[in-house]
Every structure is written in structure tokens, then in C-alpha cells.
C-alpha atoms as a PDB file:
ATOM      1  CA  MET A   1     124.838  81.957  73.613  1.00  0.00           C
ATOM      2  CA  VAL A   2     125.134  84.781  76.173  1.00  0.00           C
ATOM      3  CA  ARG A   3     128.624  85.641  74.877  1.00  0.00           C
ATOM      4  CA  ASP A   4     127.351  85.939  71.268  1.00  0.00           C
ATOM      5  CA  GLN A   5     124.490  88.149  72.407  1.00  0.00           C
ATOM      6  CA  VAL A   6     126.825  90.377  74.451  1.00  0.00           C
ATOM      7  CA  THR A   7     129.261  90.652  71.517  1.00  0.00           C
ATOM      8  CA  GLU A   8     126.392  91.688  69.229  1.00  0.00           C
ATOM      9  CA  ASN A   9     125.216  94.243  71.799  1.00  0.00           C
ATOM     10  CA  ILE A  10     128.743  95.688  72.067  1.00  0.00           C
ATOM     11  CA  ALA A  11     128.875  96.080  68.272  1.00  0.00           C
ATOM     12  CA  GLN A  12     125.540  97.907  68.321  1.00  0.00           C
ATOM     13  CA  LEU A  13     126.724 100.050  71.223  1.00  0.00           C
ATOM     14  CA  SER A  14     129.836 101.090  69.296  1.00  0.00           C
ATOM     15  CA  LYS A  15     127.661 102.263  66.412  1.00  0.00           C
ATOM     16  CA  THR A  16     125.451 104.248  68.798  1.00  0.00           C
ATOM     17  CA  VAL A  17     128.382 105.880  70.552  1.00  0.00           C
ATOM     18  CA  GLU A  18     129.953 106.892  67.232  1.00  0.00           C
ATOM     19  CA  LYS A  19     126.891 109.004  66.527  1.00  0.00           C
ATOM     20  CA  ASP A  20     127.125 110.747  69.866  1.00  0.00           C
ATOM     21  CA  GLU A  21     128.240 114.383  69.716  1.00  0.00           C
ATOM     22  CA  GLU A  22     131.185 113.772  72.053  1.00  0.00           C
ATOM     23  CA  MET A  23     132.523 111.079  69.794  1.00  0.00           C
ATOM     24  CA  LYS A  24     132.277 113.238  66.676  1.00  0.00           C
ATOM     25  CA  GLU A  25     134.793 115.649  68.168  1.00  0.00           C
ATOM     26  CA  ALA A  26     137.358 112.908  68.893  1.00  0.00           C
ATOM     27  CA  LYS A  27     139.735 111.967  66.101  1.00  0.00           C
ATOM     28  CA  PRO A  28     139.669 108.247  65.300  1.00  0.00           C
ATOM     29  CA  GLY A  29     142.903 106.257  65.435  1.00  0.00           C
ATOM     30  CA  LYS A  30     144.847 105.529  62.276  1.00  0.00           C
ATOM     31  CA  LYS A  31     144.530 101.897  61.225  1.00  0.00           C
ATOM     32  CA  SER A  32     147.261  99.895  59.530  1.00  0.00           C
ATOM     33  CA  GLU A  33     146.570  97.382  56.807  1.00  0.00           C
ATOM     34  CA  THR A  34     147.490  93.806  57.617  1.00  0.00           C
ATOM     35  CA  LYS A  35     149.286  92.085  54.757  1.00  0.00           C
ATOM     36  CA  ALA A  36     149.937  88.620  56.181  1.00  0.00           C
ATOM     37  CA  GLN A  37     147.167  86.158  56.890  1.00  0.00           C
ATOM     38  CA  VAL A  38     147.873  84.744  60.355  1.00  0.00           C
ATOM     39  CA  VAL A  39     145.390  82.327  61.839  1.00  0.00           C
ATOM     40  CA  ALA A  40     145.675  81.482  65.530  1.00  0.00           C
ATOM     41  CA  GLU A  41     143.417  79.132  67.455  1.00  0.00           C
ATOM     42  CA  PRO A  42     143.189  78.739  71.228  1.00  0.00           C
ATOM     43  CA  GLU A  43     143.411  75.142  72.393  1.00  0.00           C
ATOM     44  CA  VAL A  44     142.108  73.398  75.504  1.00  0.00           C
ATOM     45  CA  ASP A  45     145.404  71.496  75.816  1.00  0.00           C
ATOM     46  CA  LYS A  46     147.347  74.616  77.006  1.00  0.00           C
ATOM     47  CA  THR A  47     148.736  75.506  73.537  1.00  0.00           C
ATOM     48  CA  VAL A  48     148.054  77.979  70.758  1.00  0.00           C
ATOM     49  CA  THR A  49     148.056  76.666  67.196  1.00  0.00           C
ATOM     50  CA  VAL A  50     149.321  79.201  64.642  1.00  0.00           C
ATOM     51  CA  GLY A  51     149.345  78.963  60.872  1.00  0.00           C
ATOM     52  CA  GLY A  52     149.189  81.214  57.879  1.00  0.00           C
ATOM     53  CA  ARG A  53     148.704  81.368  54.187  1.00  0.00           C
ATOM     54  CA  ASP A  54     152.436  80.951  53.482  1.00  0.00           C
ATOM     55  CA  THR A  55     153.586  79.116  56.608  1.00  0.00           C
ATOM     56  CA  ASP A  56     153.271  75.694  58.164  1.00  0.00           C
ATOM     57  CA  GLU A  57     151.199  75.261  61.286  1.00  0.00           C
ATOM     58  CA  TYR A  58     153.047  75.333  64.623  1.00  0.00           C
ATOM     59  CA  GLU A  59     152.220  75.397  68.327  1.00  0.00           C
ATOM     60  CA  LEU A  60     153.123  77.908  71.024  1.00  0.00           C
ATOM     61  CA  VAL A  61     153.551  76.149  74.358  1.00  0.00           C
ATOM     62  CA  GLY A  62     153.785  77.840  77.756  1.00  0.00           C
ATOM     63  CA  HIS A  63     150.422  78.181  79.476  1.00  0.00           C
ATOM     64  CA  THR A  64     149.645  75.839  82.364  1.00  0.00           C
ATOM     65  CA  GLY A  65     145.895  75.829  81.680  1.00  0.00           C
ATOM     66  CA  PRO A  66     143.555  75.831  78.680  1.00  0.00           C
ATOM     67  CA  VAL A  67     143.824  78.840  76.342  1.00  0.00           C
ATOM     68  CA  PHE A  68     140.524  80.693  75.836  1.00  0.00           C
ATOM     69  CA  SER A  69     141.457  83.629  73.621  1.00  0.00           C
ATOM     70  CA  VAL A  70     144.079  84.758  71.125  1.00  0.00           C
ATOM     71  CA  THR A  71     144.579  87.990  69.226  1.00  0.00           C
ATOM     72  CA  VAL A  72     147.136  88.989  66.598  1.00  0.00           C
ATOM     73  CA  SER A  73     148.636  92.491  66.405  1.00  0.00           C
ATOM     74  CA  VAL A  74     147.856  94.773  63.471  1.00  0.00           C
ATOM     75  CA  CYS A  75     151.420  94.347  62.167  1.00  0.00           C
ATOM     76  CA  ASP A  76     151.246  90.517  62.490  1.00  0.00           C
ATOM     77  CA  ARG A  77     154.420  90.511  64.649  1.00  0.00           C
ATOM     78  CA  HIS A  78     152.883  89.632  68.030  1.00  0.00           C
ATOM     79  CA  LEU A  79     150.223  87.312  69.353  1.00  0.00           C
ATOM     80  CA  LEU A  80     148.555  87.488  72.758  1.00  0.00           C
ATOM     81  CA  SER A  81     146.900  84.542  74.488  1.00  0.00           C
ATOM     82  CA  GLY A  82     144.666  84.494  77.573  1.00  0.00           C
ATOM     83  CA  SER A  83     144.344  81.391  79.696  1.00  0.00           C
ATOM     84  CA  TYR A  84     142.734  79.557  82.579  1.00  0.00           C
ATOM     85  CA  ASP A  85     146.103  79.923  84.368  1.00  0.00           C
ATOM     86  CA  ASN A  86     145.187  83.634  84.994  1.00  0.00           C
ATOM     87  CA  THR A  87     147.960  84.893  82.694  1.00  0.00           C
ATOM     88  CA  ILE A  88     148.322  86.604  79.358  1.00  0.00           C
ATOM     89  CA  ARG A  89     151.313  85.693  77.216  1.00  0.00           C
ATOM     90  CA  ARG A  90     152.843  87.670  74.365  1.00  0.00           C
ATOM     91  CA  TRP A  91     154.495  85.661  71.623  1.00  0.00           C
ATOM     92  CA  SER A  92     156.725  86.633  68.698  1.00  0.00           C
ATOM     93  CA  LEU A  93     155.374  85.387  65.388  1.00  0.00           C
ATOM     94  CA  GLN A  94     158.841  85.822  63.830  1.00  0.00           C
ATOM     95  CA  THR A  95     160.810  83.729  66.333  1.00  0.00           C
ATOM     96  CA  LYS A  96     157.780  81.580  67.259  1.00  0.00           C
ATOM     97  CA  GLY A  97     158.628  81.970  70.932  1.00  0.00           C
ATOM     98  CA  PRO A  98     157.538  83.730  74.120  1.00  0.00           C
ATOM     99  CA  LEU A  99     158.291  87.408  74.771  1.00  0.00           C
ATOM    100  CA  MET A 100     156.499  88.280  78.013  1.00  0.00           C
ATOM    101  CA  VAL A 101     154.043  87.012  80.617  1.00  0.00           C
ATOM    102  CA  TYR A 102     151.470  89.439  82.058  1.00  0.00           C
ATOM    103  CA  TYR A 103     150.186  88.771  85.580  1.00  0.00           C
ATOM    104  CA  GLY A 104     147.309  90.798  86.929  1.00  0.00           C
ATOM    105  CA  HIS A 105     144.122  88.757  86.916  1.00  0.00           C
ATOM    106  CA  ASN A 106     143.105  86.597  89.874  1.00  0.00           C
ATOM    107  CA  PHE A 107     140.942  84.214  87.852  1.00  0.00           C
ATOM    108  CA  PRO A 108     140.895  82.862  84.256  1.00  0.00           C
ATOM    109  CA  VAL A 109     141.344  85.340  81.401  1.00  0.00           C
ATOM    110  CA  TRP A 110     138.390  84.970  79.022  1.00  0.00           C
ATOM    111  CA  GLU A 111     139.429  87.383  76.276  1.00  0.00           C
ATOM    112  CA  VAL A 112     142.384  89.484  75.124  1.00  0.00           C
ATOM    113  CA  LYS A 113     142.221  92.032  72.347  1.00  0.00           C
ATOM    114  CA  PHE A 114     144.752  94.370  70.710  1.00  0.00           C
ATOM    115  CA  ALA A 115     143.814  98.033  70.402  1.00  0.00           C
ATOM    116  CA  PRO A 116     143.455  99.367  66.841  1.00  0.00           C
ATOM    117  CA  LEU A 117     146.972 100.869  66.971  1.00  0.00           C
ATOM    118  CA  GLY A 118     148.543  97.749  68.438  1.00  0.00           C
ATOM    119  CA  SER A 119     150.768  99.078  71.262  1.00  0.00           C
ATOM    120  CA  TYR A 120     147.961  98.628  73.802  1.00  0.00           C
ATOM    121  CA  PHE A 121     145.725  95.688  74.572  1.00  0.00           C
ATOM    122  CA  ALA A 122     142.866  94.859  76.911  1.00  0.00           C
ATOM    123  CA  SER A 123     141.850  91.749  78.803  1.00  0.00           C
ATOM    124  CA  CYS A 124     138.806  90.578  80.731  1.00  0.00           C
ATOM    125  CA  SER A 125     138.460  87.896  83.328  1.00  0.00           C
ATOM    126  CA  ALA A 126     136.399  85.814  85.696  1.00  0.00           C
ATOM    127  CA  ASP A 127     137.643  88.186  88.427  1.00  0.00           C
ATOM    128  CA  ARG A 128     134.932  90.651  87.229  1.00  0.00           C
ATOM    129  CA  THR A 129     137.475  93.121  85.836  1.00  0.00           C
ATOM    130  CA  ALA A 130     138.820  94.323  82.524  1.00  0.00           C
ATOM    131  CA  LYS A 131     142.318  95.732  82.263  1.00  0.00           C
ATOM    132  CA  LEU A 132     144.168  97.985  79.848  1.00  0.00           C
ATOM    133  CA  TRP A 133     147.822  97.144  79.218  1.00  0.00           C
ATOM    134  CA  ILE A 134     150.725  98.593  77.259  1.00  0.00           C
ATOM    135  CA  LEU A 135     152.897  95.959  75.576  1.00  0.00           C
ATOM    136  CA  LYS A 136     156.172  96.920  77.250  1.00  0.00           C
ATOM    137  CA  ASN A 137     154.830  96.838  80.858  1.00  0.00           C
ATOM    138  CA  SER A 138     154.036  93.672  82.771  1.00  0.00           C
ATOM    139  CA  SER A 139     151.475  95.366  85.019  1.00  0.00           C
ATOM    140  CA  PRO A 140     148.171  96.895  83.869  1.00  0.00           C
ATOM    141  CA  LEU A 141     147.883 100.576  82.976  1.00  0.00           C
ATOM    142  CA  ARG A 142     144.189 100.747  84.008  1.00  0.00           C
ATOM    143  CA  ILE A 143     141.856  98.441  85.900  1.00  0.00           C
ATOM    144  CA  PHE A 144     138.186  98.735  84.958  1.00  0.00           C
ATOM    145  CA  ALA A 145     136.248  97.770  88.079  1.00  0.00           C
ATOM    146  CA  SER A 146     134.191  99.916  90.372  1.00  0.00           C
ATOM    147  CA  GLN A 147     131.195 100.081  92.636  1.00  0.00           C
ATOM    148  CA  GLY A 148     128.257  99.279  90.386  1.00  0.00           C
ATOM    149  CA  GLY A 149     130.497  97.446  87.909  1.00  0.00           C
ATOM    150  CA  HIS A 150     129.979  93.908  86.652  1.00  0.00           C
ATOM    151  CA  LEU A 151     128.459  91.399  89.068  1.00  0.00           C
ATOM    152  CA  ASN A 152     129.691  88.301  87.185  1.00  0.00           C
ATOM    153  CA  ASP A 153     132.636  87.345  84.976  1.00  0.00           C
ATOM    154  CA  VAL A 154     133.564  89.917  82.328  1.00  0.00           C
ATOM    155  CA  GLU A 155     133.383  87.673  79.269  1.00  0.00           C
ATOM    156  CA  THR A 156     133.944  89.950  76.297  1.00  0.00           C
ATOM    157  CA  LEU A 157     135.303  93.370  75.431  1.00  0.00           C
ATOM    158  CA  ASP A 158     136.102  95.615  72.515  1.00  0.00           C
ATOM    159  CA  PHE A 159     137.800  98.940  71.847  1.00  0.00           C
ATOM    160  CA  HIS A 160     135.938 101.876  70.412  1.00  0.00           C
ATOM    161  CA  PRO A 161     137.632 102.800  67.084  1.00  0.00           C
ATOM    162  CA  ASN A 162     138.989 106.048  68.569  1.00  0.00           C
ATOM    163  CA  MET A 163     140.558 104.064  71.461  1.00  0.00           C
ATOM    164  CA  HIS A 164     139.128 106.431  74.100  1.00  0.00           C
ATOM    165  CA  TYR A 165     136.659 103.804  75.341  1.00  0.00           C
ATOM    166  CA  ILE A 166     136.426 100.092  76.047  1.00  0.00           C
ATOM    167  CA  ALA A 167     133.071  98.289  76.130  1.00  0.00           C
ATOM    168  CA  THR A 168     132.772  95.221  78.357  1.00  0.00           C
ATOM    169  CA  GLY A 169     130.051  92.600  78.469  1.00  0.00           C
ATOM    170  CA  SER A 170     129.142  90.130  81.167  1.00  0.00           C
ATOM    171  CA  SER A 171     126.704  87.329  81.860  1.00  0.00           C
ATOM    172  CA  ASP A 172     125.136  89.730  84.379  1.00  0.00           C
ATOM    173  CA  ARG A 173     123.462  91.188  81.250  1.00  0.00           C
ATOM    174  CA  GLN A 174     125.269  94.519  81.526  1.00  0.00           C
ATOM    175  CA  ILE A 175     127.352  96.341  78.967  1.00  0.00           C
ATOM    176  CA  ILE A 176     129.612  98.974  80.463  1.00  0.00           C
ATOM    177  CA  LEU A 177     131.454 101.608  78.482  1.00  0.00           C
ATOM    178  CA  TRP A 178     134.684 102.600  80.248  1.00  0.00           C
ATOM    179  CA  ASP A 179     136.736 105.757  79.714  1.00  0.00           C
ATOM    180  CA  CYS A 180     140.350 104.688  79.013  1.00  0.00           C
ATOM    181  CA  ASN A 181     141.825 107.952  80.350  1.00  0.00           C
ATOM    182  CA  SER A 182     140.084 107.999  83.721  1.00  0.00           C
ATOM    183  CA  GLY A 183     139.277 104.305  84.174  1.00  0.00           C
ATOM    184  CA  GLN A 184     135.739 105.285  85.185  1.00  0.00           C
ATOM    185  CA  GLN A 185     132.393 104.170  83.776  1.00  0.00           C
ATOM    186  CA  ALA A 186     131.176 106.417  80.963  1.00  0.00           C
ATOM    187  CA  ARG A 187     127.862 104.575  80.461  1.00  0.00           C
ATOM    188  CA  ASN A 188     126.080 101.520  81.723  1.00  0.00           C
ATOM    189  CA  PHE A 189     123.555  99.629  79.577  1.00  0.00           C
END
């Protein structure tokens, strides 16, 4: 219930920020159209179930704890999964196998999400942080945590369409807008 409410608040926040004068000056990222229909479901049995309109269902196995979140890249070539085992895994949807494991959170990863352009992604965790990653690096590019940051688990996040900001939501009833360039808080709601 709290997660749904925070997700709704983040969506409303994105609309508000878009109207802001600062945001009008920024050029939004170019979005690609997704042609394939990939459906991926996190599973509590440490796997990710993947299927599509034209493919049979299959499982991706590798996590050592339940999987809480999955996200598919804009080009439908990669899938990311976040797990109770504190890791994020990148999978190839062509070879149906693992590509990379990302270590950086100290507690379970609640959500992972690809950026609109797909070469970056973000994660949030029970360690009260959100992190910005680039696909080719196994360590985070930015860590979003500071004095006055979230007091509880960071449970949800989303990119602003121009990719300059990430909004995070927590059960501490805060929404924080983070600047991706500086890693600092831009706003706190």
C-alpha cells in the first residue's frame, strides 16, 4: 500500500517538475520504440521468469535470494534483476544467460530501473540508498544518500524523462529528487 502511494506521488512529482522553469530549458532524452513484447516476472524462488509474444517461457537462474524487481532495456536486449541477495544481475535476452553481477548494496535491492536511453540504470535498497549505474561498470557511478536523506528503506524510484534527476520514495513518507550530475538532493517532499 505504501509503495503504491509512493509510486503515485513520484508520478505526480515528475509532472510538477516538468512544468518548472529549470526543466523547460533542459532537452528531454530521445526515446526508442520497443518492438518486441518481453514479459519478465520476479520470483520468490530466486529465479526470473521471462516470456514473450513470440517465445516460450524460460527461467533465468543465478540469484541466491528471492528476486524483487526486474526491468527490460528499451532495446529488449538486456534484463536487470534486483534481489534479496543484495545484488543486481544483468542478463542477455538473446543468449538467455548472465552477463554481469553488480555489487554495491549492503541490504536487499527492492527495485531496479533502466534509464530512458538504456545505457544507465538505477537501483534502490533496504540500505537507505539509491544508486546510479552504467551498464559496463560493476561499481556505481553515483550514490544517492546524504545527511537528511531517507530514514527507512528506499523502496521505489524513477527517472525524470530528461534523465537529469531521479526521484526516490521511502516508507519514511519522503520523496527526494536527486540531481544525477552532482548526486545531491535537488528537492525534498
